[in-house]
C-alpha atoms as a PDB file:
ATOM      1  CA  MET A   1     -95.458  27.829 104.687  1.00  0.00           C
ATOM      2  CA  LYS A   2     -92.733  28.562 107.479  1.00  0.00           C
ATOM      3  CA  ARG A   3     -90.400  26.183 108.358  1.00  0.00           C
ATOM      4  CA  ASP A   4     -90.982  25.066 112.344  1.00  0.00           C
ATOM      5  CA  MET A   5     -87.980  23.355 113.993  1.00  0.00           C
ATOM      6  CA  ASP A   6     -90.162  22.005 116.723  1.00  0.00           C
ATOM      7  CA  LEU A   7     -92.295  20.116 113.954  1.00  0.00           C
ATOM      8  CA  VAL A   8     -88.995  18.903 112.662  1.00  0.00           C
ATOM      9  CA  ARG A   9     -87.909  17.530 115.811  1.00  0.00           C
ATOM     10  CA  GLU A  10     -91.105  15.856 116.455  1.00  0.00           C
ATOM     11  CA  ILE A  11     -91.441  14.352 113.000  1.00  0.00           C
ATOM     12  CA  LEU A  12     -87.563  12.964 113.251  1.00  0.00           C
ATOM     13  CA  LEU A  13     -88.411  11.457 116.748  1.00  0.00           C
ATOM     14  CA  ALA A  14     -91.324   9.592 115.325  1.00  0.00           C
ATOM     15  CA  ALA A  15     -90.034   8.297 112.180  1.00  0.00           C
ATOM     16  CA  GLU A  16     -87.067   6.789 114.063  1.00  0.00           C
ATOM     17  CA  ALA A  17     -89.549   5.382 116.671  1.00  0.00           C
ATOM     18  CA  ALA A  18     -91.557   3.979 113.400  1.00  0.00           C
ATOM     19  CA  GLN A  19     -90.624   0.255 112.749  1.00  0.00           C
ATOM     20  CA  ALA A  20     -91.623   0.229 108.770  1.00  0.00           C
ATOM     21  CA  VAL A  21     -92.440   2.271 105.953  1.00  0.00           C
ATOM     22  CA  VAL A  22     -95.001   4.816 107.161  1.00  0.00           C
ATOM     23  CA  SER A  23     -97.141   7.900 105.480  1.00  0.00           C
ATOM     24  CA  ALA A  24     -96.578  11.158 107.577  1.00  0.00           C
ATOM     25  CA  ALA A  25    -100.318  11.032 107.884  1.00  0.00           C
ATOM     26  CA  ASP A  26     -99.507   7.865 110.237  1.00  0.00           C
ATOM     27  CA  LEU A  27     -96.611   9.510 112.144  1.00  0.00           C
ATOM     28  CA  SER A  28     -97.535   9.778 116.049  1.00  0.00           C
ATOM     29  CA  VAL A  29     -96.406  13.545 115.925  1.00  0.00           C
ATOM     30  CA  THR A  30     -97.086  15.277 119.521  1.00  0.00           C
ATOM     31  CA  GLY A  31     -98.154  18.822 119.342  1.00  0.00           C
ATOM     32  CA  GLU A  32    -101.001  20.938 117.647  1.00  0.00           C
ATOM     33  CA  TRP A  33     -99.863  20.725 113.914  1.00  0.00           C
ATOM     34  CA  SER A  34    -102.140  20.342 110.663  1.00  0.00           C
ATOM     35  CA  ASP A  35    -101.927  17.675 108.628  1.00  0.00           C
ATOM     36  CA  ALA A  36    -100.907  19.997 106.084  1.00  0.00           C
ATOM     37  CA  GLU A  37     -97.933  21.414 108.358  1.00  0.00           C
ATOM     38  CA  VAL A  38     -96.747  17.688 108.746  1.00  0.00           C
ATOM     39  CA  LEU A  39     -97.073  16.482 105.202  1.00  0.00           C
ATOM     40  CA  TYR A  40     -95.052  19.740 104.232  1.00  0.00           C
ATOM     41  CA  HIS A  41     -92.470  19.138 106.919  1.00  0.00           C
ATOM     42  CA  ALA A  42     -91.946  15.578 105.888  1.00  0.00           C
ATOM     43  CA  ALA A  43     -91.588  16.576 102.247  1.00  0.00           C
ATOM     44  CA  ILE A  44     -89.011  19.165 103.094  1.00  0.00           C
ATOM     45  CA  LEU A  45     -87.034  16.862 105.491  1.00  0.00           C
ATOM     46  CA  ILE A  46     -86.653  14.158 102.532  1.00  0.00           C
ATOM     47  CA  GLU A  47     -85.552  17.129 100.368  1.00  0.00           C
ATOM     48  CA  ALA A  48     -83.315  18.159 102.684  1.00  0.00           C
ATOM     49  CA  GLY A  49     -81.780  14.343 103.144  1.00  0.00           C
ATOM     50  CA  TYR A  50     -82.911  13.954 106.786  1.00  0.00           C
ATOM     51  CA  LEU A  51     -85.648  11.278 105.467  1.00  0.00           C
ATOM     52  CA  ALA A  52     -85.289   8.870 103.042  1.00  0.00           C
ATOM     53  CA  GLY A  53     -89.143   8.614 101.463  1.00  0.00           C
ATOM     54  CA  THR A  54     -91.379   9.849  98.349  1.00  0.00           C
ATOM     55  CA  THR A  55     -93.577  12.922  97.912  1.00  0.00           C
ATOM     56  CA  LEU A  56     -96.771  13.219  96.248  1.00  0.00           C
ATOM     57  CA  ALA A  57     -97.523  16.404  95.287  1.00  0.00           C
ATOM     58  CA  GLY A  58    -100.761  18.134  93.986  1.00  0.00           C
ATOM     59  CA  ALA A  59    -101.047  20.292  90.910  1.00  0.00           C
ATOM     60  CA  ASN A  60     -99.914  23.365  92.891  1.00  0.00           C
ATOM     61  CA  GLY A  61     -96.788  21.487  94.186  1.00  0.00           C
ATOM     62  CA  THR A  62     -98.063  21.275  97.615  1.00  0.00           C
ATOM     63  CA  PRO A  63     -97.657  17.873  99.355  1.00  0.00           C
ATOM     64  CA  ILE A  64    -100.446  15.494  99.299  1.00  0.00           C
ATOM     65  CA  ALA A  65     -99.249  12.539 100.542  1.00  0.00           C
ATOM     66  CA  VAL A  66     -95.564  11.538 101.821  1.00  0.00           C
ATOM     67  CA  THR A  67     -94.275   7.819 102.407  1.00  0.00           C
ATOM     68  CA  ILE A  68     -91.027   7.796 104.685  1.00  0.00           C
ATOM     69  CA  ALA A  69     -89.259   4.438 104.286  1.00  0.00           C
ATOM     70  CA  ARG A  70     -86.455   5.473 107.208  1.00  0.00           C
ATOM     71  CA  MET A  71     -84.214   8.199 108.574  1.00  0.00           C
ATOM     72  CA  THR A  72     -80.828   8.548 106.968  1.00  0.00           C
ATOM     73  CA  TRP A  73     -77.455   9.367 108.396  1.00  0.00           C
ATOM     74  CA  GLU A  74     -77.912  13.121 108.382  1.00  0.00           C
ATOM     75  CA  GLY A  75     -81.149  12.582 109.927  1.00  0.00           C
ATOM     76  CA  HIS A  76     -79.828  10.406 112.622  1.00  0.00           C
ATOM     77  CA  ASP A  77     -76.927  13.187 113.423  1.00  0.00           C
ATOM     78  CA  PHE A  78     -79.346  15.803 113.379  1.00  0.00           C
ATOM     79  CA  LEU A  79     -82.066  14.114 115.849  1.00  0.00           C
ATOM     80  CA  ASP A  80     -78.764  13.118 118.243  1.00  0.00           C
ATOM     81  CA  ALA A  81     -77.771  16.820 118.467  1.00  0.00           C
ATOM     82  CA  VAL A  82     -81.476  18.112 119.421  1.00  0.00           C
ATOM     83  CA  ARG A  83     -82.818  14.642 120.974  1.00  0.00           C
ATOM     84  CA  ASP A  84     -82.597  15.773 124.858  1.00  0.00           C
ATOM     85  CA  ARG A  85     -85.218  18.463 125.295  1.00  0.00           C
ATOM     86  CA  THR A  86     -83.123  20.447 127.805  1.00  0.00           C
ATOM     87  CA  ILE A  87     -80.195  20.707 125.022  1.00  0.00           C
ATOM     88  CA  TRP A  88     -82.905  21.551 122.521  1.00  0.00           C
ATOM     89  CA  GLU A  89     -84.737  24.474 124.536  1.00  0.00           C
ATOM     90  CA  ARG A  90     -81.331  25.837 125.298  1.00  0.00           C
ATOM     91  CA  THR A  91     -80.326  25.623 121.807  1.00  0.00           C
ATOM     92  CA  LYS A  92     -83.473  27.591 120.551  1.00  0.00           C
ATOM     93  CA  THR A  93     -82.648  30.089 123.370  1.00  0.00           C
ATOM     94  CA  HIS A  94     -79.309  30.841 122.762  1.00  0.00           C
ATOM     95  CA  LEU A  95     -79.988  31.168 118.756  1.00  0.00           C
ATOM     96  CA  ARG A  96     -82.853  33.657 119.433  1.00  0.00           C
ATOM     97  CA  LYS A  97     -80.616  35.559 121.683  1.00  0.00           C
ATOM     98  CA  ALA A  98     -78.030  36.059 118.850  1.00  0.00           C
ATOM     99  CA  GLY A  99     -80.655  36.902 116.469  1.00  0.00           C
ATOM    100  CA  ALA A 100     -79.919  33.963 114.377  1.00  0.00           C
ATOM    101  CA  GLY A 101     -82.810  31.809 112.444  1.00  0.00           C
ATOM    102  CA  LEU A 102     -83.227  28.086 113.354  1.00  0.00           C
ATOM    103  CA  MET A 103     -81.278  27.080 110.304  1.00  0.00           C
ATOM    104  CA  PRO A 104     -80.747  22.953 110.687  1.00  0.00           C
ATOM    105  CA  ALA A 105     -76.807  23.334 110.380  1.00  0.00           C
ATOM    106  CA  LEU A 106     -76.646  25.830 112.955  1.00  0.00           C
ATOM    107  CA  VAL A 107     -79.237  24.093 115.142  1.00  0.00           C
ATOM    108  CA  LYS A 108     -76.881  21.168 115.137  1.00  0.00           C
ATOM    109  CA  GLU A 109     -73.810  23.023 115.737  1.00  0.00           C
ATOM    110  CA  VAL A 110     -75.145  24.802 118.500  1.00  0.00           C
ATOM    111  CA  ALA A 111     -76.722  21.576 120.146  1.00  0.00           C
ATOM    112  CA  VAL A 112     -73.325  19.626 119.791  1.00  0.00           C
ATOM    113  CA  GLY A 113     -71.666  22.529 121.379  1.00  0.00           C
ATOM    114  CA  LEU A 114     -74.201  22.634 124.282  1.00  0.00           C
ATOM    115  CA  ILE A 115     -73.483  18.794 124.485  1.00  0.00           C
ATOM    116  CA  ARG A 116     -69.810  19.017 124.712  1.00  0.00           C
ATOM    117  CA  LEU A 117     -70.097  21.873 127.324  1.00  0.00           C
ATOM    118  CA  GLY A 118     -72.076  19.127 129.498  1.00  0.00           C
ATOM    119  CA  VAL A 119     -69.552  16.489 128.689  1.00  0.00           C
ATOM    120  CA  GLY A 120     -66.645  18.549 129.966  1.00  0.00           C
ATOM    121  CA  GLN A 121     -68.361  19.251 133.435  1.00  0.00           C
ATOM    122  CA  ILE A 122     -69.275  15.624 133.711  1.00  0.00           C
ATOM    123  CA  ALA A 123     -65.526  14.846 134.397  1.00  0.00           C
END
């Protein structure tokens, strides 16, 4: 399955809004993604250290259940960088124009750069 950074952002937004431990299937994710896509992305967010939780995999290694306990510091940092929809869209546009993929570290770096440019314009 291909990583979808729009879904990553939506899962992090939903995880932040959750008040308690939640299963990936119960997340309020906005969009047209299948349950399998949400489970997969929640599992890789746990692997990447953006979420703390557990993954139950089936015989073929595909996630069949994911429980999210909380967001991690790294998850909060990433979400804070891409929370604003305008910053998010501009970040994706800049990276695509540069021919770069939407790698989480690069996404965060570009988003923070755009935020810094905006902060400089406020003064």
